[in-house]
Amino acid sequence: MDRRQRQMCIRDSNWRTRYGELDLIAREPNPSGGADILVVVEVKTRRNGAVYDDPVAAVTEDKLARMTRLAWMWIGEQREFGELEYFDSLRYDVISIRMDGAAGAPLLRHHRGVVD
């Protein structure tokens, strides 16, 4: 499968409820050819000297549990309105953006599958 075929399709962004927010919800073609993968993406940005210097370290077990509850709420809402096609699995990713000062360019990393 070439790179263009593997690209994610953003389904929703900044989806909010009174219980929290999901940054991005996307669909990604399954590399094995099965049904698509639903991907919940947390975006974390940090500057040097932050409490969690590595942005992905800020995604704790509590944060992942909240993301899971919110993901199932989003899935339920989409199914209620008939707007969610079948998906084969659910994956959690983190996009980490590290700001290394005024002169340095931001370092962006995509951490795929942060939960086993």
PDB file of N, CA and C in Angstrom:
ATOM      1  N   MET A   1       0.858  -1.174   0.000  1.00  0.00           N
ATOM      2  CA  MET A   1       0.000   0.000   0.000  1.00  0.00           C
ATOM      3  C   MET A   1       0.905   1.237   0.000  1.00  0.00           C
ATOM      4  N   ASP A   2       0.683   2.152  -0.934  1.00  0.00           N
ATOM      5  CA  ASP A   2       1.535   3.334  -0.968  1.00  0.00           C
ATOM      6  C   ASP A   2       1.080   4.371   0.064  1.00  0.00           C
ATOM      7  N   ARG A   3       1.920   5.359   0.269  1.00  0.00           N
ATOM      8  CA  ARG A   3       1.689   6.357   1.331  1.00  0.00           C
ATOM      9  C   ARG A   3       0.353   7.073   1.164  1.00  0.00           C
ATOM     10  N   ARG A   4      -0.007   7.400  -0.055  1.00  0.00           N
ATOM     11  CA  ARG A   4      -1.247   8.138  -0.295  1.00  0.00           C
ATOM     12  C   ARG A   4      -2.464   7.326   0.156  1.00  0.00           C
ATOM     13  N   GLN A   5      -2.423   6.017  -0.013  1.00  0.00           N
ATOM     14  CA  GLN A   5      -3.542   5.166   0.372  1.00  0.00           C
ATOM     15  C   GLN A   5      -3.661   5.017   1.885  1.00  0.00           C
ATOM     16  N   ARG A   6      -2.580   5.226   2.636  1.00  0.00           N
ATOM     17  CA  ARG A   6      -2.589   5.048   4.082  1.00  0.00           C
ATOM     18  C   ARG A   6      -3.009   6.313   4.827  1.00  0.00           C
ATOM     19  N   GLN A   7      -3.187   7.414   4.150  1.00  0.00           N
ATOM     20  CA  GLN A   7      -3.485   8.665   4.836  1.00  0.00           C
ATOM     21  C   GLN A   7      -4.793   8.603   5.593  1.00  0.00           C
ATOM     22  N   MET A   8      -4.772   9.283   6.736  1.00  0.00           N
ATOM     23  CA  MET A   8      -5.972   9.360   7.562  1.00  0.00           C
ATOM     24  C   MET A   8      -6.950  10.372   6.991  1.00  0.00           C
ATOM     25  N   CYS A   9      -8.201  10.130   7.286  1.00  0.00           N
ATOM     26  CA  CYS A   9      -9.259  11.069   6.933  1.00  0.00           C
ATOM     27  C   CYS A   9      -9.832  11.587   8.259  1.00  0.00           C
ATOM     28  N   ILE A  10      -9.719  12.879   8.494  1.00  0.00           N
ATOM     29  CA  ILE A  10     -10.215  13.479   9.736  1.00  0.00           C
ATOM     30  C   ILE A  10     -11.744  13.454   9.701  1.00  0.00           C
ATOM     31  N   ARG A  11     -12.334  12.857  10.728  1.00  0.00           N
ATOM     32  CA  ARG A  11     -13.792  12.795  10.848  1.00  0.00           C
ATOM     33  C   ARG A  11     -14.341  13.906  11.732  1.00  0.00           C
ATOM     34  N   ASP A  12     -13.554  14.313  12.735  1.00  0.00           N
ATOM     35  CA  ASP A  12     -14.021  15.338  13.673  1.00  0.00           C
ATOM     36  C   ASP A  12     -12.807  15.939  14.362  1.00  0.00           C
ATOM     37  N   SER A  13     -12.949  17.163  14.820  1.00  0.00           N
ATOM     38  CA  SER A  13     -11.875  17.805  15.578  1.00  0.00           C
ATOM     39  C   SER A  13     -12.477  18.666  16.680  1.00  0.00           C
ATOM     40  N   ASN A  14     -11.747  18.741  17.775  1.00  0.00           N
ATOM     41  CA  ASN A  14     -12.174  19.520  18.943  1.00  0.00           C
ATOM     42  C   ASN A  14     -13.611  19.181  19.350  1.00  0.00           C
ATOM     43  N   TRP A  15     -13.917  17.891  19.385  1.00  0.00           N
ATOM     44  CA  TRP A  15     -15.245  17.437  19.774  1.00  0.00           C
ATOM     45  C   TRP A  15     -15.358  17.556  21.285  1.00  0.00           C
ATOM     46  N   ARG A  16     -16.345  18.315  21.748  1.00  0.00           N
ATOM     47  CA  ARG A  16     -16.467  18.620  23.168  1.00  0.00           C
ATOM     48  C   ARG A  16     -17.784  18.144  23.760  1.00  0.00           C
ATOM     49  N   THR A  17     -17.679  17.725  25.010  1.00  0.00           N
ATOM     50  CA  THR A  17     -18.846  17.482  25.845  1.00  0.00           C
ATOM     51  C   THR A  17     -18.525  18.098  27.199  1.00  0.00           C
ATOM     52  N   ARG A  18     -19.460  18.027  28.112  1.00  0.00           N
ATOM     53  CA  ARG A  18     -19.172  18.550  29.447  1.00  0.00           C
ATOM     54  C   ARG A  18     -18.165  17.677  30.180  1.00  0.00           C
ATOM     55  N   TYR A  19     -17.877  16.492  29.636  1.00  0.00           N
ATOM     56  CA  TYR A  19     -16.929  15.562  30.253  1.00  0.00           C
ATOM     57  C   TYR A  19     -15.506  15.705  29.730  1.00  0.00           C
ATOM     58  N   GLY A  20     -15.323  16.461  28.664  1.00  0.00           N
ATOM     59  CA  GLY A  20     -13.986  16.636  28.111  1.00  0.00           C
ATOM     60  C   GLY A  20     -14.018  16.838  26.609  1.00  0.00           C
ATOM     61  N   GLU A  21     -12.843  16.747  26.014  1.00  0.00           N
ATOM     62  CA  GLU A  21     -12.687  17.025  24.580  1.00  0.00           C
ATOM     63  C   GLU A  21     -11.775  15.991  23.941  1.00  0.00           C
ATOM     64  N   LEU A  22     -12.115  15.631  22.709  1.00  0.00           N
ATOM     65  CA  LEU A  22     -11.227  14.834  21.871  1.00  0.00           C
ATOM     66  C   LEU A  22     -10.649  15.770  20.811  1.00  0.00           C
ATOM     67  N   ASP A  23      -9.329  15.769  20.680  1.00  0.00           N
ATOM     68  CA  ASP A  23      -8.686  16.682  19.731  1.00  0.00           C
ATOM     69  C   ASP A  23      -8.998  16.314  18.289  1.00  0.00           C
ATOM     70  N   LEU A  24      -8.754  15.061  17.929  1.00  0.00           N
ATOM     71  CA  LEU A  24      -9.008  14.610  16.557  1.00  0.00           C
ATOM     72  C   LEU A  24      -9.568  13.198  16.572  1.00  0.00           C
ATOM     73  N   ILE A  25     -10.493  12.941  15.666  1.00  0.00           N
ATOM     74  CA  ILE A  25     -10.978  11.595  15.410  1.00  0.00           C
ATOM     75  C   ILE A  25     -10.811  11.377  13.912  1.00  0.00           C
ATOM     76  N   ALA A  26     -10.131  10.288  13.556  1.00  0.00           N
ATOM     77  CA  ALA A  26      -9.823  10.053  12.141  1.00  0.00           C
ATOM     78  C   ALA A  26     -10.088   8.596  11.794  1.00  0.00           C
ATOM     79  N   ARG A  27     -10.154   8.343  10.496  1.00  0.00           N
ATOM     80  CA  ARG A  27     -10.229   6.975   9.970  1.00  0.00           C
ATOM     81  C   ARG A  27      -8.966   6.747   9.161  1.00  0.00           C
ATOM     82  N   GLU A  28      -8.444   5.549   9.299  1.00  0.00           N
ATOM     83  CA  GLU A  28      -7.241   5.193   8.547  1.00  0.00           C
ATOM     84  C   GLU A  28      -7.488   3.862   7.862  1.00  0.00           C
ATOM     85  N   PRO A  29      -7.157   3.750   6.589  1.00  0.00           N
ATOM     86  CA  PRO A  29      -7.325   2.460   5.913  1.00  0.00           C
ATOM     87  C   PRO A  29      -6.520   1.374   6.622  1.00  0.00           C
ATOM     88  N   ASN A  30      -7.106   0.207   6.742  1.00  0.00           N
ATOM     89  CA  ASN A  30      -6.442  -0.922   7.379  1.00  0.00           C
ATOM     90  C   ASN A  30      -5.388  -1.459   6.418  1.00  0.00           C
ATOM     91  N   PRO A  31      -4.119  -1.542   6.850  1.00  0.00           N
ATOM     92  CA  PRO A  31      -3.073  -2.019   5.939  1.00  0.00           C
ATOM     93  C   PRO A  31      -3.276  -3.456   5.486  1.00  0.00           C
ATOM     94  N   SER A  32      -4.057  -4.249   6.243  1.00  0.00           N
ATOM     95  CA  SER A  32      -4.298  -5.633   5.833  1.00  0.00           C
ATOM     96  C   SER A  32      -5.497  -5.752   4.893  1.00  0.00           C
ATOM     97  N   GLY A  33      -6.121  -4.612   4.588  1.00  0.00           N
ATOM     98  CA  GLY A  33      -7.230  -4.618   3.641  1.00  0.00           C
ATOM     99  C   GLY A  33      -8.595  -4.784   4.274  1.00  0.00           C
ATOM    100  N   GLY A  34      -8.666  -4.947   5.583  1.00  0.00           N
ATOM    101  CA  GLY A  34      -9.945  -5.075   6.272  1.00  0.00           C
ATOM    102  C   GLY A  34     -10.626  -3.727   6.428  1.00  0.00           C
ATOM    103  N   ALA A  35     -11.599  -3.690   7.321  1.00  0.00           N
ATOM    104  CA  ALA A  35     -12.311  -2.436   7.588  1.00  0.00           C
ATOM    105  C   ALA A  35     -11.347  -1.404   8.158  1.00  0.00           C
ATOM    106  N   ASP A  36     -11.691  -0.138   7.982  1.00  0.00           N
ATOM    107  CA  ASP A  36     -10.846   0.953   8.454  1.00  0.00           C
ATOM    108  C   ASP A  36     -10.615   0.892   9.958  1.00  0.00           C
ATOM    109  N   ILE A  37      -9.600   1.618  10.400  1.00  0.00           N
ATOM    110  CA  ILE A  37      -9.269   1.763  11.810  1.00  0.00           C
ATOM    111  C   ILE A  37      -9.737   3.144  12.247  1.00  0.00           C
ATOM    112  N   LEU A  38     -10.448   3.219  13.362  1.00  0.00           N
ATOM    113  CA  LEU A  38     -10.840   4.502  13.934  1.00  0.00           C
ATOM    114  C   LEU A  38      -9.704   4.938  14.856  1.00  0.00           C
ATOM    115  N   VAL A  39      -9.215   6.160  14.680  1.00  0.00           N
ATOM    116  CA  VAL A  39      -8.059   6.642  15.426  1.00  0.00           C
ATOM    117  C   VAL A  39      -8.451   7.879  16.224  1.00  0.00           C
ATOM    118  N   VAL A  40      -8.236   7.818  17.545  1.00  0.00           N
ATOM    119  CA  VAL A  40      -8.460   8.960  18.425  1.00  0.00           C
ATOM    120  C   VAL A  40      -7.082   9.552  18.687  1.00  0.00           C
ATOM    121  N   VAL A  41      -6.927  10.848  18.378  1.00  0.00           N
ATOM    122  CA  VAL A  41      -5.615  11.486  18.452  1.00  0.00           C
ATOM    123  C   VAL A  41      -5.631  12.609  19.485  1.00  0.00           C
ATOM    124  N   GLU A  42      -4.690  12.543  20.407  1.00  0.00           N
ATOM    125  CA  GLU A  42      -4.470  13.604  21.390  1.00  0.00           C
ATOM    126  C   GLU A  42      -3.292  14.437  20.894  1.00  0.00           C
ATOM    127  N   VAL A  43      -3.442  15.746  20.876  1.00  0.00           N
ATOM    128  CA  VAL A  43      -2.365  16.644  20.454  1.00  0.00           C
ATOM    129  C   VAL A  43      -1.820  17.330  21.695  1.00  0.00           C
ATOM    130  N   LYS A  44      -0.514  17.187  21.913  1.00  0.00           N
ATOM    131  CA  LYS A  44       0.135  17.777  23.085  1.00  0.00           C
ATOM    132  C   LYS A  44       1.300  18.641  22.635  1.00  0.00           C
ATOM    133  N   THR A  45       1.354  19.863  23.163  1.00  0.00           N
ATOM    134  CA  THR A  45       2.441  20.785  22.861  1.00  0.00           C
ATOM    135  C   THR A  45       3.128  21.169  24.162  1.00  0.00           C
ATOM    136  N   ARG A  46       4.452  21.183  24.142  1.00  0.00           N
ATOM    137  CA  ARG A  46       5.223  21.572  25.323  1.00  0.00           C
ATOM    138  C   ARG A  46       6.408  22.433  24.910  1.00  0.00           C
ATOM    139  N   ARG A  47       6.789  23.299  25.824  1.00  0.00           N
ATOM    140  CA  ARG A  47       7.998  24.112  25.663  1.00  0.00           C
ATOM    141  C   ARG A  47       9.070  23.552  26.583  1.00  0.00           C
ATOM    142  N   ASN A  48      10.319  23.887  26.318  1.00  0.00           N
ATOM    143  CA  ASN A  48      11.401  23.480  27.224  1.00  0.00           C
ATOM    144  C   ASN A  48      11.092  23.953  28.634  1.00  0.00           C
ATOM    145  N   GLY A  49      11.393  23.115  29.604  1.00  0.00           N
ATOM    146  CA  GLY A  49      11.182  23.487  30.998  1.00  0.00           C
ATOM    147  C   GLY A  49       9.793  23.199  31.516  1.00  0.00           C
ATOM    148  N   ALA A  50       8.911  22.637  30.699  1.00  0.00           N
ATOM    149  CA  ALA A  50       7.558  22.307  31.154  1.00  0.00           C
ATOM    150  C   ALA A  50       7.627  21.136  32.131  1.00  0.00           C
ATOM    151  N   VAL A  51       6.567  20.959  32.911  1.00  0.00           N
ATOM    152  CA  VAL A  51       6.516  19.856  33.872  1.00  0.00           C
ATOM    153  C   VAL A  51       6.772  18.531  33.169  1.00  0.00           C
ATOM    154  N   TYR A  52       6.071  18.296  32.080  1.00  0.00           N
ATOM    155  CA  TYR A  52       6.335  17.124  31.246  1.00  0.00           C
ATOM    156  C   TYR A  52       7.109  17.623  30.041  1.00  0.00           C
ATOM    157  N   ASP A  53       8.439  17.472  30.081  1.00  0.00           N
ATOM    158  CA  ASP A  53       9.266  17.979  28.992  1.00  0.00           C
ATOM    159  C   ASP A  53       8.947  17.266  27.679  1.00  0.00           C
ATOM    160  N   ASP A  54       8.660  15.956  27.765  1.00  0.00           N
ATOM    161  CA  ASP A  54       8.252  15.193  26.593  1.00  0.00           C
ATOM    162  C   ASP A  54       6.730  15.257  26.523  1.00  0.00           C
ATOM    163  N   PRO A  55       6.155  15.851  25.495  1.00  0.00           N
ATOM    164  CA  PRO A  55       4.701  16.017  25.439  1.00  0.00           C
ATOM    165  C   PRO A  55       3.916  14.729  25.598  1.00  0.00           C
ATOM    166  N   VAL A  56       4.402  13.623  25.054  1.00  0.00           N
ATOM    167  CA  VAL A  56       3.654  12.373  25.129  1.00  0.00           C
ATOM    168  C   VAL A  56       3.566  11.863  26.570  1.00  0.00           C
ATOM    169  N   ALA A  57       4.495  12.251  27.433  1.00  0.00           N
ATOM    170  CA  ALA A  57       4.464  11.838  28.842  1.00  0.00           C
ATOM    171  C   ALA A  57       3.263  12.428  29.576  1.00  0.00           C
ATOM    172  N   ALA A  58       2.687  13.482  29.040  1.00  0.00           N
ATOM    173  CA  ALA A  58       1.513  14.105  29.658  1.00  0.00           C
ATOM    174  C   ALA A  58       0.239  13.297  29.428  1.00  0.00           C
ATOM    175  N   VAL A  59       0.306  12.295  28.576  1.00  0.00           N
ATOM    176  CA  VAL A  59      -0.857  11.446  28.327  1.00  0.00           C
ATOM    177  C   VAL A  59      -0.777  10.271  29.315  1.00  0.00           C
ATOM    178  N   THR A  60      -1.373  10.483  30.458  1.00  0.00           N
ATOM    179  CA  THR A  60      -1.325   9.528  31.560  1.00  0.00           C
ATOM    180  C   THR A  60      -2.413   8.457  31.403  1.00  0.00           C
ATOM    181  N   GLU A  61      -2.392   7.476  32.307  1.00  0.00           N
ATOM    182  CA  GLU A  61      -3.440   6.450  32.291  1.00  0.00           C
ATOM    183  C   GLU A  61      -4.815   7.072  32.500  1.00  0.00           C
ATOM    184  N   ASP A  62      -4.901   8.063  33.390  1.00  0.00           N
ATOM    185  CA  ASP A  62      -6.179   8.751  33.605  1.00  0.00           C
ATOM    186  C   ASP A  62      -6.651   9.450  32.334  1.00  0.00           C
ATOM    187  N   LYS A  63      -5.725  10.097  31.638  1.00  0.00           N
ATOM    188  CA  LYS A  63      -6.070  10.787  30.386  1.00  0.00           C
ATOM    189  C   LYS A  63      -6.551   9.775  29.354  1.00  0.00           C
ATOM    190  N   LEU A  64      -5.872   8.632  29.246  1.00  0.00           N
ATOM    191  CA  LEU A  64      -6.282   7.604  28.286  1.00  0.00           C
ATOM    192  C   LEU A  64      -7.648   7.035  28.638  1.00  0.00           C
ATOM    193  N   ALA A  65      -7.930   6.866  29.934  1.00  0.00           N
ATOM    194  CA  ALA A  65      -9.250   6.374  30.345  1.00  0.00           C
ATOM    195  C   ALA A  65     -10.327   7.380  29.965  1.00  0.00           C
ATOM    196  N   ARG A  66     -10.051   8.665  30.153  1.00  0.00           N
ATOM    197  CA  ARG A  66     -11.013   9.711  29.767  1.00  0.00           C
ATOM    198  C   ARG A  66     -11.210   9.710  28.251  1.00  0.00           C
ATOM    199  N   MET A  67     -10.116   9.572  27.504  1.00  0.00           N
ATOM    200  CA  MET A  67     -10.218   9.521  26.042  1.00  0.00           C
ATOM    201  C   MET A  67     -11.076   8.343  25.594  1.00  0.00           C
ATOM    202  N   THR A  68     -10.948   7.209  26.279  1.00  0.00           N
ATOM    203  CA  THR A  68     -11.743   6.030  25.934  1.00  0.00           C
ATOM    204  C   THR A  68     -13.224   6.291  26.172  1.00  0.00           C
ATOM    205  N   ARG A  69     -13.557   6.846  27.338  1.00  0.00           N
ATOM    206  CA  ARG A  69     -14.967   7.162  27.618  1.00  0.00           C
ATOM    207  C   ARG A  69     -15.516   8.132  26.572  1.00  0.00           C
ATOM    208  N   LEU A  70     -14.746   9.165  26.257  1.00  0.00           N
ATOM    209  CA  LEU A  70     -15.192  10.151  25.274  1.00  0.00           C
ATOM    210  C   LEU A  70     -15.306   9.535  23.878  1.00  0.00           C
ATOM    211  N   ALA A  71     -14.372   8.660  23.531  1.00  0.00           N
ATOM    212  CA  ALA A  71     -14.425   8.017  22.212  1.00  0.00           C
ATOM    213  C   ALA A  71     -15.715   7.218  22.054  1.00  0.00           C
ATOM    214  N   TRP A  72     -16.100   6.471  23.090  1.00  0.00           N
ATOM    215  CA  TRP A  72     -17.334   5.684  22.996  1.00  0.00           C
ATOM    216  C   TRP A  72     -18.566   6.582  22.990  1.00  0.00           C
ATOM    217  N   MET A  73     -18.487   7.730  23.640  1.00  0.00           N
ATOM    218  CA  MET A  73     -19.589   8.696  23.551  1.00  0.00           C
ATOM    219  C   MET A  73     -19.700   9.214  22.120  1.00  0.00           C
ATOM    220  N   TRP A  74     -18.555   9.541  21.501  1.00  0.00           N
ATOM    221  CA  TRP A  74     -18.552  10.039  20.126  1.00  0.00           C
ATOM    222  C   TRP A  74     -19.095   8.962  19.187  1.00  0.00           C
ATOM    223  N   ILE A  75     -18.650   7.720  19.371  1.00  0.00           N
ATOM    224  CA  ILE A  75     -19.114   6.608  18.533  1.00  0.00           C
ATOM    225  C   ILE A  75     -20.630   6.457  18.675  1.00  0.00           C
ATOM    226  N   GLY A  76     -21.130   6.501  19.902  1.00  0.00           N
ATOM    227  CA  GLY A  76     -22.574   6.388  20.125  1.00  0.00           C
ATOM    228  C   GLY A  76     -23.340   7.493  19.445  1.00  0.00           C
ATOM    229  N   GLU A  77     -22.821   8.712  19.527  1.00  0.00           N
ATOM    230  CA  GLU A  77     -23.490   9.848  18.874  1.00  0.00           C
ATOM    231  C   GLU A  77     -23.519   9.662  17.361  1.00  0.00           C
ATOM    232  N   GLN A  78     -22.413   9.221  16.784  1.00  0.00           N
ATOM    233  CA  GLN A  78     -22.349   9.022  15.336  1.00  0.00           C
ATOM    234  C   GLN A  78     -23.298   7.916  14.890  1.00  0.00           C
ATOM    235  N   ARG A  79     -23.355   6.842  15.661  1.00  0.00           N
ATOM    236  CA  ARG A  79     -24.259   5.727  15.318  1.00  0.00           C
ATOM    237  C   ARG A  79     -25.714   6.152  15.428  1.00  0.00           C
ATOM    238  N   GLU A  80     -26.002   6.979  16.431  1.00  0.00           N
ATOM    239  CA  GLU A  80     -27.374   7.462  16.616  1.00  0.00           C
ATOM    240  C   GLU A  80     -27.869   8.200  15.382  1.00  0.00           C
ATOM    241  N   PHE A  81     -26.982   8.950  14.750  1.00  0.00           N
ATOM    242  CA  PHE A  81     -27.353   9.721  13.566  1.00  0.00           C
ATOM    243  C   PHE A  81     -27.039   8.974  12.268  1.00  0.00           C
ATOM    244  N   GLY A  82     -26.588   7.717  12.375  1.00  0.00           N
ATOM    245  CA  GLY A  82     -26.302   6.920  11.185  1.00  0.00           C
ATOM    246  C   GLY A  82     -25.119   7.426  10.388  1.00  0.00           C
ATOM    247  N   GLU A  83     -24.164   8.045  11.061  1.00  0.00           N
ATOM    248  CA  GLU A  83     -23.039   8.664  10.352  1.00  0.00           C
ATOM    249  C   GLU A  83     -21.713   7.943  10.554  1.00  0.00           C
ATOM    250  N   LEU A  84     -21.740   6.722  11.087  1.00  0.00           N
ATOM    251  CA  LEU A  84     -20.489   6.012  11.343  1.00  0.00           C
ATOM    252  C   LEU A  84     -20.485   4.689  10.606  1.00  0.00           C
ATOM    253  N   GLU A  85     -19.548   4.573   9.658  1.00  0.00           N
ATOM    254  CA  GLU A  85     -19.380   3.316   8.950  1.00  0.00           C
ATOM    255  C   GLU A  85     -18.676   2.341   9.883  1.00  0.00           C
ATOM    256  N   TYR A  86     -18.755   1.063   9.549  1.00  0.00           N
ATOM    257  CA  TYR A  86     -18.108   0.025  10.340  1.00  0.00           C
ATOM    258  C   TYR A  86     -16.600   0.282  10.395  1.00  0.00           C
ATOM    259  N   PHE A  87     -16.010   0.044  11.538  1.00  0.00           N
ATOM    260  CA  PHE A  87     -14.553   0.100  11.657  1.00  0.00           C
ATOM    261  C   PHE A  87     -14.091  -1.163  12.359  1.00  0.00           C
ATOM    262  N   ASP A  88     -12.872  -1.572  12.043  1.00  0.00           N
ATOM    263  CA  ASP A  88     -12.351  -2.851  12.524  1.00  0.00           C
ATOM    264  C   ASP A  88     -11.743  -2.749  13.914  1.00  0.00           C
ATOM    265  N   SER A  89     -11.103  -1.619  14.221  1.00  0.00           N
ATOM    266  CA  SER A  89     -10.461  -1.469  15.524  1.00  0.00           C
ATOM    267  C   SER A  89     -10.355   0.012  15.869  1.00  0.00           C
ATOM    268  N   LEU A  90     -10.028   0.237  17.138  1.00  0.00           N
ATOM    269  CA  LEU A  90      -9.881   1.591  17.671  1.00  0.00           C
ATOM    270  C   LEU A  90      -8.445   1.726  18.153  1.00  0.00           C
ATOM    271  N   ARG A  91      -7.796   2.810  17.754  1.00  0.00           N
ATOM    272  CA  ARG A  91      -6.399   3.037  18.128  1.00  0.00           C
ATOM    273  C   ARG A  91      -6.260   4.439  18.711  1.00  0.00           C
ATOM    274  N   TYR A  92      -5.338   4.583  19.655  1.00  0.00           N
ATOM    275  CA  TYR A  92      -5.063   5.884  20.265  1.00  0.00           C
ATOM    276  C   TYR A  92      -3.662   6.330  19.859  1.00  0.00           C
ATOM    277  N   ASP A  93      -3.589   7.512  19.273  1.00  0.00           N
ATOM    278  CA  ASP A  93      -2.317   8.106  18.868  1.00  0.00           C
ATOM    279  C   ASP A  93      -2.110   9.409  19.619  1.00  0.00           C
ATOM    280  N   VAL A  94      -0.855   9.846  19.672  1.00  0.00           N
ATOM    281  CA  VAL A  94      -0.523  11.157  20.221  1.00  0.00           C
ATOM    282  C   VAL A  94       0.345  11.890  19.200  1.00  0.00           C
ATOM    283  N   ILE A  95      -0.021  13.124  18.923  1.00  0.00           N
ATOM    284  CA  ILE A  95       0.829  14.011  18.143  1.00  0.00           C
ATOM    285  C   ILE A  95       1.519  14.900  19.169  1.00  0.00           C
ATOM    286  N   SER A  96       2.845  14.805  19.257  1.00  0.00           N
ATOM    287  CA  SER A  96       3.571  15.633  20.210  1.00  0.00           C
ATOM    288  C   SER A  96       4.300  16.730  19.449  1.00  0.00           C
ATOM    289  N   ILE A  97       4.173  17.939  19.982  1.00  0.00           N
ATOM    290  CA  ILE A  97       4.840  19.102  19.396  1.00  0.00           C
ATOM    291  C   ILE A  97       5.705  19.701  20.486  1.00  0.00           C
ATOM    292  N   ARG A  98       6.989  19.738  20.248  1.00  0.00           N
ATOM    293  CA  ARG A  98       7.918  20.273  21.235  1.00  0.00           C
ATOM    294  C   ARG A  98       8.514  21.565  20.698  1.00  0.00           C
ATOM    295  N   MET A  99       8.329  22.620  21.477  1.00  0.00           N
ATOM    296  CA  MET A  99       8.843  23.937  21.115  1.00  0.00           C
ATOM    297  C   MET A  99      10.190  24.109  21.811  1.00  0.00           C
ATOM    298  N   ASP A 100      11.255  24.250  21.046  1.00  0.00           N
ATOM    299  CA  ASP A 100      12.594  24.345  21.619  1.00  0.00           C
ATOM    300  C   ASP A 100      13.150  25.755  21.581  1.00  0.00           C
ATOM    301  N   GLY A 101      12.357  26.723  21.982  1.00  0.00           N
ATOM    302  CA  GLY A 101      12.843  28.092  22.040  1.00  0.00           C
ATOM    303  C   GLY A 101      12.517  28.880  20.790  1.00  0.00           C
ATOM    304  N   ALA A 102      12.794  30.164  20.847  1.00  0.00           N
ATOM    305  CA  ALA A 102      12.434  31.082  19.765  1.00  0.00           C
ATOM    306  C   ALA A 102      13.157  30.755  18.461  1.00  0.00           C
ATOM    307  N   ALA A 103      14.423  30.331  18.544  1.00  0.00           N
ATOM    308  CA  ALA A 103      15.202  30.102  17.326  1.00  0.00           C
ATOM    309  C   ALA A 103      14.957  28.718  16.727  1.00  0.00           C
ATOM    310  N   GLY A 104      14.547  27.763  17.550  1.00  0.00           N
ATOM    311  CA  GLY A 104      14.388  26.393  17.069  1.00  0.00           C
ATOM    312  C   GLY A 104      13.026  26.154  16.449  1.00  0.00           C
ATOM    313  N   ALA A 105      13.021  25.308  15.445  1.00  0.00           N
ATOM    314  CA  ALA A 105      11.758  24.942  14.807  1.00  0.00           C
ATOM    315  C   ALA A 105      11.046  23.915  15.685  1.00  0.00           C
ATOM    316  N   PRO A 106       9.726  23.897  15.686  1.00  0.00           N
ATOM    317  CA  PRO A 106       8.993  22.899  16.468  1.00  0.00           C
ATOM    318  C   PRO A 106       9.322  21.492  15.973  1.00  0.00           C
ATOM    319  N   LEU A 107       9.411  20.558  16.920  1.00  0.00           N
ATOM    320  CA  LEU A 107       9.637  19.159  16.589  1.00  0.00           C
ATOM    321  C   LEU A 107       8.310  18.431  16.743  1.00  0.00           C
ATOM    322  N   LEU A 108       7.814  17.898  15.639  1.00  0.00           N
ATOM    323  CA  LEU A 108       6.518  17.222  15.623  1.00  0.00           C
ATOM    324  C   LEU A 108       6.748  15.728  15.437  1.00  0.00           C
ATOM    325  N   ARG A 109       6.097  14.921  16.308  1.00  0.00           N
ATOM    326  CA  ARG A 109       6.189  13.459  16.195  1.00  0.00           C
ATOM    327  C   ARG A 109       4.804  12.852  16.305  1.00  0.00           C
ATOM    328  N   HIS A 110       4.594  11.802  15.534  1.00  0.00           N
ATOM    329  CA  HIS A 110       3.325  11.074  15.563  1.00  0.00           C
ATOM    330  C   HIS A 110       3.591   9.743  16.260  1.00  0.00           C
ATOM    331  N   HIS A 111       3.036   9.576  17.447  1.00  0.00           N
ATOM    332  CA  HIS A 111       3.188   8.347  18.227  1.00  0.00           C
ATOM    333  C   HIS A 111       1.938   7.497  17.964  1.00  0.00           C
ATOM    334  N   ARG A 112       2.108   6.422  17.256  1.00  0.00           N
ATOM    335  CA  ARG A 112       0.981   5.571  16.860  1.00  0.00           C
ATOM    336  C   ARG A 112       0.777   4.456  17.867  1.00  0.00           C
ATOM    337  N   GLY A 113      -0.487   4.234  18.220  1.00  0.00           N
ATOM    338  CA  GLY A 113      -0.809   3.116  19.082  1.00  0.00           C
ATOM    339  C   GLY A 113      -0.213   3.209  20.475  1.00  0.00           C
ATOM    340  N   VAL A 114      -0.540   4.261  21.219  1.00  0.00           N
ATOM    341  CA  VAL A 114       0.048   4.457  22.546  1.00  0.00           C
ATOM    342  C   VAL A 114      -0.534   3.515  23.589  1.00  0.00           C
ATOM    343  N   VAL A 115      -1.571   2.771  23.261  1.00  0.00           N
ATOM    344  CA  VAL A 115      -2.190   1.808  24.171  1.00  0.00           C
ATOM    345  C   VAL A 115      -2.161   0.449  23.492  1.00  0.00           C
ATOM    346  N   ASP A 116      -1.767  -0.572  24.247  1.00  0.00           N
ATOM    347  CA  ASP A 116      -1.786  -1.940  23.687  1.00  0.00           C
ATOM    348  C   ASP A 116      -3.160  -2.530  23.766  1.00  0.00           C
TER     349      ASP A 116
END
